[in-house]
């Protein structure tokens, strides 16, 4: 599991004009559409789980290195 802040995830995977609103991302995280967790008052995206999209082999490769 590699947790990154929601803001870093948005900056890394979306172009400036195509980023979803913060409330939309929070809704996706709460519903499980985007894997992540809330720590304190901040949301974090599980980048490895998001990249693997449920593929166990990809998840193991990402964890290994």
PDB file of N, CA and C in Angstrom:
ATOM      1  N   UNK A   1       0.854  -1.173   0.000  1.00  0.00           N
ATOM      2  CA  UNK A   1       0.000   0.000   0.000  1.00  0.00           C
ATOM      3  C   UNK A   1       0.899   1.235   0.000  1.00  0.00           C
ATOM      4  N   UNK A   2       0.627   2.110  -0.939  1.00  0.00           N
ATOM      5  CA  UNK A   2       1.351   3.371  -0.982  1.00  0.00           C
ATOM      6  C   UNK A   2       0.332   4.494  -0.957  1.00  0.00           C
ATOM      7  N   UNK A   3       0.256   5.188   0.164  1.00  0.00           N
ATOM      8  CA  UNK A   3      -0.709   6.264   0.311  1.00  0.00           C
ATOM      9  C   UNK A   3      -0.088   7.589  -0.107  1.00  0.00           C
ATOM     10  N   UNK A   4      -0.801   8.318  -0.947  1.00  0.00           N
ATOM     11  CA  UNK A   4      -0.404   9.667  -1.323  1.00  0.00           C
ATOM     12  C   UNK A   4      -1.585  10.594  -1.073  1.00  0.00           C
ATOM     13  N   UNK A   5      -1.299  11.854  -0.854  1.00  0.00           N
ATOM     14  CA  UNK A   5      -2.398  12.784  -0.593  1.00  0.00           C
ATOM     15  C   UNK A   5      -3.295  12.887  -1.824  1.00  0.00           C
ATOM     16  N   UNK A   6      -4.527  13.214  -1.577  1.00  0.00           N
ATOM     17  CA  UNK A   6      -5.485  13.350  -2.667  1.00  0.00           C
ATOM     18  C   UNK A   6      -5.029  14.432  -3.644  1.00  0.00           C
ATOM     19  N   UNK A   7      -4.453  15.515  -3.149  1.00  0.00           N
ATOM     20  CA  UNK A   7      -3.983  16.595  -4.023  1.00  0.00           C
ATOM     21  C   UNK A   7      -2.848  16.126  -4.927  1.00  0.00           C
ATOM     22  N   UNK A   8      -1.906  15.377  -4.386  1.00  0.00           N
ATOM     23  CA  UNK A   8      -0.804  14.861  -5.203  1.00  0.00           C
ATOM     24  C   UNK A   8      -1.349  13.913  -6.267  1.00  0.00           C
ATOM     25  N   UNK A   9      -2.313  13.073  -5.897  1.00  0.00           N
ATOM     26  CA  UNK A   9      -2.917  12.142  -6.857  1.00  0.00           C
ATOM     27  C   UNK A   9      -3.571  12.908  -8.004  1.00  0.00           C
ATOM     28  N   UNK A  10      -4.307  13.958  -7.666  1.00  0.00           N
ATOM     29  CA  UNK A  10      -4.950  14.774  -8.696  1.00  0.00           C
ATOM     30  C   UNK A  10      -3.915  15.402  -9.626  1.00  0.00           C
ATOM     31  N   UNK A  11      -2.859  15.941  -9.048  1.00  0.00           N
ATOM     32  CA  UNK A  11      -1.818  16.598  -9.855  1.00  0.00           C
ATOM     33  C   UNK A  11      -1.076  15.593 -10.735  1.00  0.00           C
ATOM     34  N   UNK A  12      -0.896  14.380 -10.232  1.00  0.00           N
ATOM     35  CA  UNK A  12      -0.135  13.368 -10.960  1.00  0.00           C
ATOM     36  C   UNK A  12      -0.917  12.762 -12.121  1.00  0.00           C
ATOM     37  N   UNK A  13      -2.216  12.577 -11.960  1.00  0.00           N
ATOM     38  CA  UNK A  13      -2.984  11.806 -12.939  1.00  0.00           C
ATOM     39  C   UNK A  13      -4.008  12.607 -13.746  1.00  0.00           C
ATOM     40  N   UNK A  14      -4.127  13.890 -13.492  1.00  0.00           N
ATOM     41  CA  UNK A  14      -5.077  14.719 -14.233  1.00  0.00           C
ATOM     42  C   UNK A  14      -4.397  15.990 -14.711  1.00  0.00           C
ATOM     43  N   UNK A  15      -4.726  16.405 -15.926  1.00  0.00           N
ATOM     44  CA  UNK A  15      -4.264  17.692 -16.446  1.00  0.00           C
ATOM     45  C   UNK A  15      -4.998  18.806 -15.707  1.00  0.00           C
ATOM     46  N   UNK A  16      -4.430  19.978 -15.729  1.00  0.00           N
ATOM     47  CA  UNK A  16      -4.971  21.120 -14.998  1.00  0.00           C
ATOM     48  C   UNK A  16      -6.463  21.347 -15.250  1.00  0.00           C
ATOM     49  N   UNK A  17      -6.905  21.344 -16.474  1.00  0.00           N
ATOM     50  CA  UNK A  17      -8.301  21.637 -16.769  1.00  0.00           C
ATOM     51  C   UNK A  17      -9.264  20.470 -16.625  1.00  0.00           C
ATOM     52  N   UNK A  18      -8.735  19.271 -16.369  1.00  0.00           N
ATOM     53  CA  UNK A  18      -9.607  18.103 -16.322  1.00  0.00           C
ATOM     54  C   UNK A  18      -9.743  17.492 -14.922  1.00  0.00           C
ATOM     55  N   UNK A  19      -9.180  18.132 -13.922  1.00  0.00           N
ATOM     56  CA  UNK A  19      -9.238  17.586 -12.558  1.00  0.00           C
ATOM     57  C   UNK A  19     -10.643  17.685 -11.995  1.00  0.00           C
ATOM     58  N   UNK A  20     -11.096  16.612 -11.346  1.00  0.00           N
ATOM     59  CA  UNK A  20     -12.407  16.689 -10.689  1.00  0.00           C
ATOM     60  C   UNK A  20     -12.326  17.612  -9.470  1.00  0.00           C
ATOM     61  N   UNK A  21     -13.453  18.094  -9.065  1.00  0.00           N
ATOM     62  CA  UNK A  21     -13.527  18.951  -7.880  1.00  0.00           C
ATOM     63  C   UNK A  21     -13.145  18.149  -6.639  1.00  0.00           C
ATOM     64  N   UNK A  22     -12.677  18.844  -5.620  1.00  0.00           N
ATOM     65  CA  UNK A  22     -12.287  18.180  -4.369  1.00  0.00           C
ATOM     66  C   UNK A  22     -13.444  17.380  -3.770  1.00  0.00           C
ATOM     67  N   UNK A  23     -14.645  17.946  -3.815  1.00  0.00           N
ATOM     68  CA  UNK A  23     -15.807  17.235  -3.268  1.00  0.00           C
ATOM     69  C   UNK A  23     -16.107  15.966  -4.048  1.00  0.00           C
ATOM     70  N   UNK A  24     -15.899  16.001  -5.359  1.00  0.00           N
ATOM     71  CA  UNK A  24     -16.109  14.806  -6.179  1.00  0.00           C
ATOM     72  C   UNK A  24     -15.112  13.727  -5.785  1.00  0.00           C
ATOM     73  N   UNK A  25     -13.853  14.095  -5.629  1.00  0.00           N
ATOM     74  CA  UNK A  25     -12.832  13.125  -5.225  1.00  0.00           C
ATOM     75  C   UNK A  25     -13.144  12.553  -3.851  1.00  0.00           C
ATOM     76  N   UNK A  26     -13.566  13.383  -2.919  1.00  0.00           N
ATOM     77  CA  UNK A  26     -13.925  12.887  -1.589  1.00  0.00           C
ATOM     78  C   UNK A  26     -15.086  11.900  -1.667  1.00  0.00           C
ATOM     79  N   UNK A  27     -16.058  12.192  -2.517  1.00  0.00           N
ATOM     80  CA  UNK A  27     -17.200  11.284  -2.696  1.00  0.00           C
ATOM     81  C   UNK A  27     -16.731   9.952  -3.266  1.00  0.00           C
ATOM     82  N   UNK A  28     -15.815   9.987  -4.259  1.00  0.00           N
ATOM     83  CA  UNK A  28     -15.256   8.758  -4.839  1.00  0.00           C
ATOM     84  C   UNK A  28     -14.511   7.950  -3.789  1.00  0.00           C
ATOM     85  N   UNK A  29     -13.760   8.629  -2.920  1.00  0.00           N
ATOM     86  CA  UNK A  29     -13.015   7.929  -1.868  1.00  0.00           C
ATOM     87  C   UNK A  29     -13.964   7.308  -0.842  1.00  0.00           C
ATOM     88  N   UNK A  30     -14.970   8.068  -0.414  1.00  0.00           N
ATOM     89  CA  UNK A  30     -15.940   7.543   0.568  1.00  0.00           C
ATOM     90  C   UNK A  30     -16.696   6.337   0.028  1.00  0.00           C
ATOM     91  N   UNK A  31     -17.029   6.363  -1.257  1.00  0.00           N
ATOM     92  CA  UNK A  31     -17.822   5.283  -1.847  1.00  0.00           C
ATOM     93  C   UNK A  31     -16.971   4.068  -2.228  1.00  0.00           C
ATOM     94  N   UNK A  32     -15.645   4.232  -2.242  1.00  0.00           N
ATOM     95  CA  UNK A  32     -14.767   3.125  -2.611  1.00  0.00           C
ATOM     96  C   UNK A  32     -14.445   3.073  -4.098  1.00  0.00           C
ATOM     97  N   UNK A  33     -14.938   4.031  -4.862  1.00  0.00           N
ATOM     98  CA  UNK A  33     -14.648   4.071  -6.296  1.00  0.00           C
ATOM     99  C   UNK A  33     -13.147   4.266  -6.526  1.00  0.00           C
ATOM    100  N   UNK A  34     -12.521   5.049  -5.658  1.00  0.00           N
ATOM    101  CA  UNK A  34     -11.073   5.233  -5.630  1.00  0.00           C
ATOM    102  C   UNK A  34     -10.597   4.656  -4.294  1.00  0.00           C
ATOM    103  N   UNK A  35      -9.613   3.726  -4.310  1.00  0.00           N
ATOM    104  CA  UNK A  35      -9.158   3.145  -3.050  1.00  0.00           C
ATOM    105  C   UNK A  35      -8.362   4.152  -2.228  1.00  0.00           C
ATOM    106  N   UNK A  36      -8.701   4.260  -0.975  1.00  0.00           N
ATOM    107  CA  UNK A  36      -7.986   5.184  -0.107  1.00  0.00           C
ATOM    108  C   UNK A  36      -8.511   5.115   1.305  1.00  0.00           C
ATOM    109  N   UNK A  37      -8.018   6.022   2.130  1.00  0.00           N
ATOM    110  CA  UNK A  37      -8.482   6.059   3.511  1.00  0.00           C
ATOM    111  C   UNK A  37      -8.338   7.459   4.056  1.00  0.00           C
ATOM    112  N   UNK A  38      -9.100   7.722   5.078  1.00  0.00           N
ATOM    113  CA  UNK A  38      -9.061   9.020   5.729  1.00  0.00           C
ATOM    114  C   UNK A  38      -8.214   8.879   6.996  1.00  0.00           C
ATOM    115  N   UNK A  39      -7.221   9.714   7.116  1.00  0.00           N
ATOM    116  CA  UNK A  39      -6.359   9.721   8.291  1.00  0.00           C
ATOM    117  C   UNK A  39      -6.478  11.104   8.905  1.00  0.00           C
ATOM    118  N   UNK A  40      -6.992  11.151  10.129  1.00  0.00           N
ATOM    119  CA  UNK A  40      -7.287  12.447  10.723  1.00  0.00           C
ATOM    120  C   UNK A  40      -8.376  13.116   9.903  1.00  0.00           C
ATOM    121  N   UNK A  41      -8.101  14.291   9.384  1.00  0.00           N
ATOM    122  CA  UNK A  41      -9.080  14.980   8.562  1.00  0.00           C
ATOM    123  C   UNK A  41      -8.727  14.985   7.085  1.00  0.00           C
ATOM    124  N   UNK A  42      -7.688  14.240   6.710  1.00  0.00           N
ATOM    125  CA  UNK A  42      -7.221  14.272   5.322  1.00  0.00           C
ATOM    126  C   UNK A  42      -7.420  12.934   4.631  1.00  0.00           C
ATOM    127  N   UNK A  43      -7.750  12.997   3.337  1.00  0.00           N
ATOM    128  CA  UNK A  43      -7.906  11.802   2.523  1.00  0.00           C
ATOM    129  C   UNK A  43      -6.607  11.461   1.828  1.00  0.00           C
ATOM    130  N   UNK A  44      -6.319  10.164   1.738  1.00  0.00           N
ATOM    131  CA  UNK A  44      -5.151   9.650   1.034  1.00  0.00           C
ATOM    132  C   UNK A  44      -5.606   8.586   0.045  1.00  0.00           C
ATOM    133  N   UNK A  45      -4.997   8.588  -1.128  1.00  0.00           N
ATOM    134  CA  UNK A  45      -5.310   7.607  -2.163  1.00  0.00           C
ATOM    135  C   UNK A  45      -4.279   6.490  -2.082  1.00  0.00           C
ATOM    136  N   UNK A  46      -4.740   5.234  -2.115  1.00  0.00           N
ATOM    137  CA  UNK A  46      -3.845   4.079  -2.180  1.00  0.00           C
ATOM    138  C   UNK A  46      -3.431   3.933  -3.648  1.00  0.00           C
ATOM    139  N   UNK A  47      -2.287   4.500  -3.973  1.00  0.00           N
ATOM    140  CA  UNK A  47      -1.857   4.559  -5.364  1.00  0.00           C
ATOM    141  C   UNK A  47      -1.640   3.179  -5.965  1.00  0.00           C
ATOM    142  N   UNK A  48      -1.056   2.260  -5.209  1.00  0.00           N
ATOM    143  CA  UNK A  48      -0.812   0.917  -5.738  1.00  0.00           C
ATOM    144  C   UNK A  48      -2.115   0.191  -6.058  1.00  0.00           C
ATOM    145  N   UNK A  49      -3.075   0.269  -5.159  1.00  0.00           N
ATOM    146  CA  UNK A  49      -4.365  -0.390  -5.408  1.00  0.00           C
ATOM    147  C   UNK A  49      -5.069   0.245  -6.600  1.00  0.00           C
ATOM    148  N   UNK A  50      -4.966   1.566  -6.731  1.00  0.00           N
ATOM    149  CA  UNK A  50      -5.612   2.249  -7.853  1.00  0.00           C
ATOM    150  C   UNK A  50      -4.968   1.835  -9.176  1.00  0.00           C
ATOM    151  N   UNK A  51      -3.636   1.763  -9.218  1.00  0.00           N
ATOM    152  CA  UNK A  51      -2.946   1.362 -10.440  1.00  0.00           C
ATOM    153  C   UNK A  51      -3.216  -0.101 -10.792  1.00  0.00           C
ATOM    154  N   UNK A  52      -3.306  -0.952  -9.763  1.00  0.00           N
ATOM    155  CA  UNK A  52      -3.520  -2.384 -10.000  1.00  0.00           C
ATOM    156  C   UNK A  52      -4.946  -2.688 -10.430  1.00  0.00           C
ATOM    157  N   UNK A  53      -5.904  -1.863 -10.045  1.00  0.00           N
ATOM    158  CA  UNK A  53      -7.316  -2.044 -10.379  1.00  0.00           C
ATOM    159  C   UNK A  53      -7.805  -3.462 -10.106  1.00  0.00           C
ATOM    160  N   UNK A  54      -7.420  -4.027  -8.965  1.00  0.00           N
ATOM    161  CA  UNK A  54      -7.890  -5.350  -8.579  1.00  0.00           C
ATOM    162  C   UNK A  54      -7.075  -6.507  -9.139  1.00  0.00           C
ATOM    163  N   UNK A  55      -6.026  -6.237  -9.891  1.00  0.00           N
ATOM    164  CA  UNK A  55      -5.175  -7.287 -10.462  1.00  0.00           C
ATOM    165  C   UNK A  55      -4.114  -7.669  -9.429  1.00  0.00           C
ATOM    166  N   UNK A  56      -4.199  -8.896  -8.889  1.00  0.00           N
ATOM    167  CA  UNK A  56      -3.295  -9.331  -7.824  1.00  0.00           C
ATOM    168  C   UNK A  56      -1.836  -9.329  -8.251  1.00  0.00           C
ATOM    169  N   UNK A  57      -1.551  -9.726  -9.481  1.00  0.00           N
ATOM    170  CA  UNK A  57      -0.172  -9.753  -9.963  1.00  0.00           C
ATOM    171  C   UNK A  57       0.419  -8.341 -10.001  1.00  0.00           C
ATOM    172  N   UNK A  58      -0.331  -7.402 -10.527  1.00  0.00           N
ATOM    173  CA  UNK A  58       0.144  -6.020 -10.582  1.00  0.00           C
ATOM    174  C   UNK A  58       0.365  -5.493  -9.174  1.00  0.00           C
ATOM    175  N   UNK A  59      -0.533  -5.797  -8.272  1.00  0.00           N
ATOM    176  CA  UNK A  59      -0.410  -5.357  -6.881  1.00  0.00           C
ATOM    177  C   UNK A  59       0.868  -5.904  -6.253  1.00  0.00           C
ATOM    178  N   UNK A  60       1.165  -7.189  -6.481  1.00  0.00           N
ATOM    179  CA  UNK A  60       2.382  -7.775  -5.910  1.00  0.00           C
ATOM    180  C   UNK A  60       3.642  -7.142  -6.498  1.00  0.00           C
ATOM    181  N   UNK A  61       3.643  -6.854  -7.794  1.00  0.00           N
ATOM    182  CA  UNK A  61       4.800  -6.211  -8.426  1.00  0.00           C
ATOM    183  C   UNK A  61       5.006  -4.815  -7.853  1.00  0.00           C
ATOM    184  N   UNK A  62       3.935  -4.054  -7.692  1.00  0.00           N
ATOM    185  CA  UNK A  62       4.046  -2.707  -7.141  1.00  0.00           C
ATOM    186  C   UNK A  62       4.550  -2.730  -5.701  1.00  0.00           C
ATOM    187  N   UNK A  63       4.102  -3.697  -4.920  1.00  0.00           N
ATOM    188  CA  UNK A  63       4.562  -3.813  -3.535  1.00  0.00           C
ATOM    189  C   UNK A  63       6.027  -4.198  -3.461  1.00  0.00           C
ATOM    190  N   UNK A  64       6.474  -5.033  -4.403  1.00  0.00           N
ATOM    191  CA  UNK A  64       7.856  -5.516  -4.374  1.00  0.00           C
ATOM    192  C   UNK A  64       8.857  -4.441  -4.771  1.00  0.00           C
ATOM    193  N   UNK A  65       8.435  -3.475  -5.544  1.00  0.00           N
ATOM    194  CA  UNK A  65       9.494  -2.600  -5.940  1.00  0.00           C
ATOM    195  C   UNK A  65       9.213  -1.295  -6.419  1.00  0.00           C
TER     196      UNK A  65
END
